[in-house]
């Protein structure tokens, strides 16, 4: 199966479209019929996709879809409103990230 990618977008519709695209990629490789039905049922629920876009647009939370296969593999996709997340800052960059080497 294809490995997923992360995206950052200020557009909730694009976020949900990305989740749906990634679910389709996984769907193509599912071997159990019950797993395919779970994914297909979610993909066919366009009203839920529209509601997820509205929820993200309002900034009231996050949206996620999880698929646990018959083999016990867990796939998770999520969209979060980043306007509510606080930025993390550090007083100085970690030496490993700044290109500096340790003097010890």
C-alpha atoms as a PDB file:
ATOM      1  CA  UNK A   1       0.000   0.000   0.000  1.00  0.00           C
ATOM      2  CA  UNK A   2       1.053   3.555  -0.560  1.00  0.00           C
ATOM      3  CA  UNK A   3       2.584   5.476   2.307  1.00  0.00           C
ATOM      4  CA  UNK A   4       0.744   8.607   3.277  1.00  0.00           C
ATOM      5  CA  UNK A   5       1.998  12.143   3.384  1.00  0.00           C
ATOM      6  CA  UNK A   6       1.209  15.027   5.688  1.00  0.00           C
ATOM      7  CA  UNK A   7      -0.086  18.348   4.469  1.00  0.00           C
ATOM      8  CA  UNK A   8      -0.617  21.723   6.050  1.00  0.00           C
ATOM      9  CA  UNK A   9      -3.292  23.885   4.480  1.00  0.00           C
ATOM     10  CA  UNK A  10      -5.384  26.805   5.677  1.00  0.00           C
ATOM     11  CA  UNK A  11      -8.354  25.433   3.711  1.00  0.00           C
ATOM     12  CA  UNK A  12     -10.600  22.888   5.488  1.00  0.00           C
ATOM     13  CA  UNK A  13     -12.022  21.632   2.189  1.00  0.00           C
ATOM     14  CA  UNK A  14      -8.543  20.740   0.972  1.00  0.00           C
ATOM     15  CA  UNK A  15      -7.794  18.987   4.266  1.00  0.00           C
ATOM     16  CA  UNK A  16     -10.862  16.763   3.980  1.00  0.00           C
ATOM     17  CA  UNK A  17     -10.179  16.171   0.267  1.00  0.00           C
ATOM     18  CA  UNK A  18      -6.646  15.072   1.201  1.00  0.00           C
ATOM     19  CA  UNK A  19      -8.006  12.639   3.827  1.00  0.00           C
ATOM     20  CA  UNK A  20     -10.438  11.220   1.277  1.00  0.00           C
ATOM     21  CA  UNK A  21      -7.640  10.849  -1.293  1.00  0.00           C
ATOM     22  CA  UNK A  22      -5.421   9.024   1.202  1.00  0.00           C
ATOM     23  CA  UNK A  23      -8.292   6.708   2.208  1.00  0.00           C
ATOM     24  CA  UNK A  24      -8.803   5.876  -1.487  1.00  0.00           C
ATOM     25  CA  UNK A  25      -5.111   4.942  -1.777  1.00  0.00           C
ATOM     26  CA  UNK A  26      -5.413   2.575   1.181  1.00  0.00           C
ATOM     27  CA  UNK A  27      -8.764   1.247  -0.074  1.00  0.00           C
ATOM     28  CA  UNK A  28      -7.126   0.090  -3.301  1.00  0.00           C
ATOM     29  CA  UNK A  29      -4.845  -2.246  -1.354  1.00  0.00           C
ATOM     30  CA  UNK A  30      -7.312  -3.680   1.158  1.00  0.00           C
ATOM     31  CA  UNK A  31      -7.680  -7.440   0.824  1.00  0.00           C
ATOM     32  CA  UNK A  32     -10.611  -8.190   3.156  1.00  0.00           C
ATOM     33  CA  UNK A  33     -14.094  -7.386   1.919  1.00  0.00           C
ATOM     34  CA  UNK A  34     -15.163  -6.096   5.348  1.00  0.00           C
ATOM     35  CA  UNK A  35     -12.273  -3.614   5.339  1.00  0.00           C
ATOM     36  CA  UNK A  36     -13.206  -2.442   1.877  1.00  0.00           C
ATOM     37  CA  UNK A  37     -16.835  -1.977   2.951  1.00  0.00           C
ATOM     38  CA  UNK A  38     -15.781   0.134   5.967  1.00  0.00           C
ATOM     39  CA  UNK A  39     -13.664   2.418   3.796  1.00  0.00           C
ATOM     40  CA  UNK A  40     -16.230   2.561   0.996  1.00  0.00           C
ATOM     41  CA  UNK A  41     -19.040   3.421   3.428  1.00  0.00           C
ATOM     42  CA  UNK A  42     -17.005   6.313   4.790  1.00  0.00           C
ATOM     43  CA  UNK A  43     -16.055   7.523   1.306  1.00  0.00           C
ATOM     44  CA  UNK A  44     -19.695   7.424   0.188  1.00  0.00           C
ATOM     45  CA  UNK A  45     -20.848   9.586   3.128  1.00  0.00           C
ATOM     46  CA  UNK A  46     -20.570  12.981   1.449  1.00  0.00           C
ATOM     47  CA  UNK A  47     -22.832  14.607   4.057  1.00  0.00           C
ATOM     48  CA  UNK A  48     -20.308  13.708   6.773  1.00  0.00           C
ATOM     49  CA  UNK A  49     -17.469  15.087   4.633  1.00  0.00           C
ATOM     50  CA  UNK A  50     -19.355  18.356   4.231  1.00  0.00           C
ATOM     51  CA  UNK A  51     -20.041  18.528   7.962  1.00  0.00           C
ATOM     52  CA  UNK A  52     -16.337  17.933   8.657  1.00  0.00           C
ATOM     53  CA  UNK A  53     -15.412  20.857   6.410  1.00  0.00           C
ATOM     54  CA  UNK A  54     -17.894  23.096   8.247  1.00  0.00           C
ATOM     55  CA  UNK A  55     -16.596  21.976  11.645  1.00  0.00           C
ATOM     56  CA  UNK A  56     -12.994  22.679  10.691  1.00  0.00           C
ATOM     57  CA  UNK A  57     -13.946  25.988   9.093  1.00  0.00           C
ATOM     58  CA  UNK A  58     -15.659  27.104  12.310  1.00  0.00           C
ATOM     59  CA  UNK A  59     -12.488  26.304  14.262  1.00  0.00           C
ATOM     60  CA  UNK A  60     -14.500  24.316  16.787  1.00  0.00           C
ATOM     61  CA  UNK A  61     -12.386  21.201  16.761  1.00  0.00           C
ATOM     62  CA  UNK A  62     -10.846  18.510  14.669  1.00  0.00           C
ATOM     63  CA  UNK A  63     -11.989  15.710  12.406  1.00  0.00           C
ATOM     64  CA  UNK A  64     -10.657  12.208  12.051  1.00  0.00           C
ATOM     65  CA  UNK A  65     -11.297   8.882  10.395  1.00  0.00           C
ATOM     66  CA  UNK A  66      -9.874   5.608  11.625  1.00  0.00           C
ATOM     67  CA  UNK A  67      -9.863   2.259   9.869  1.00  0.00           C
ATOM     68  CA  UNK A  68      -8.820  -0.841  11.791  1.00  0.00           C
ATOM     69  CA  UNK A  69      -8.449  -3.766   9.405  1.00  0.00           C
ATOM     70  CA  UNK A  70      -9.207  -7.429   9.967  1.00  0.00           C
ATOM     71  CA  UNK A  71      -5.438  -7.927  10.296  1.00  0.00           C
ATOM     72  CA  UNK A  72      -5.338  -5.401  13.156  1.00  0.00           C
ATOM     73  CA  UNK A  73      -3.638  -2.686  11.125  1.00  0.00           C
ATOM     74  CA  UNK A  74      -4.774   0.774  12.232  1.00  0.00           C
ATOM     75  CA  UNK A  75      -4.979   3.602   9.721  1.00  0.00           C
ATOM     76  CA  UNK A  76      -5.745   7.063  11.074  1.00  0.00           C
ATOM     77  CA  UNK A  77      -6.294  10.373   9.306  1.00  0.00           C
ATOM     78  CA  UNK A  78      -7.011  13.662  11.052  1.00  0.00           C
ATOM     79  CA  UNK A  79      -7.597  17.298  10.314  1.00  0.00           C
ATOM     80  CA  UNK A  80      -7.056  19.921  13.005  1.00  0.00           C
ATOM     81  CA  UNK A  81      -7.700  23.616  13.196  1.00  0.00           C
ATOM     82  CA  UNK A  82      -4.199  25.001  13.704  1.00  0.00           C
ATOM     83  CA  UNK A  83      -5.364  28.492  14.626  1.00  0.00           C
ATOM     84  CA  UNK A  84      -6.012  27.159  18.132  1.00  0.00           C
ATOM     85  CA  UNK A  85      -2.623  25.512  18.539  1.00  0.00           C
ATOM     86  CA  UNK A  86       0.033  27.420  20.409  1.00  0.00           C
ATOM     87  CA  UNK A  87       3.427  27.881  18.834  1.00  0.00           C
ATOM     88  CA  UNK A  88       6.320  26.180  20.544  1.00  0.00           C
ATOM     89  CA  UNK A  89       9.506  28.162  20.916  1.00  0.00           C
ATOM     90  CA  UNK A  90      12.885  27.359  22.361  1.00  0.00           C
ATOM     91  CA  UNK A  91      15.380  29.843  23.786  1.00  0.00           C
ATOM     92  CA  UNK A  92      18.066  28.574  21.425  1.00  0.00           C
ATOM     93  CA  UNK A  93      18.192  25.856  18.770  1.00  0.00           C
ATOM     94  CA  UNK A  94      19.256  22.384  19.752  1.00  0.00           C
ATOM     95  CA  UNK A  95      22.892  21.796  18.628  1.00  0.00           C
ATOM     96  CA  UNK A  96      21.858  18.811  16.514  1.00  0.00           C
ATOM     97  CA  UNK A  97      19.476  21.022  14.566  1.00  0.00           C
ATOM     98  CA  UNK A  98      21.724  24.054  14.245  1.00  0.00           C
ATOM     99  CA  UNK A  99      24.608  22.290  12.562  1.00  0.00           C
ATOM    100  CA  UNK A 100      26.856  22.772  15.595  1.00  0.00           C
ATOM    101  CA  UNK A 101      28.872  19.930  17.003  1.00  0.00           C
ATOM    102  CA  UNK A 102      29.271  19.150  20.658  1.00  0.00           C
ATOM    103  CA  UNK A 103      32.460  20.405  22.331  1.00  0.00           C
ATOM    104  CA  UNK A 104      32.438  17.727  25.060  1.00  0.00           C
END
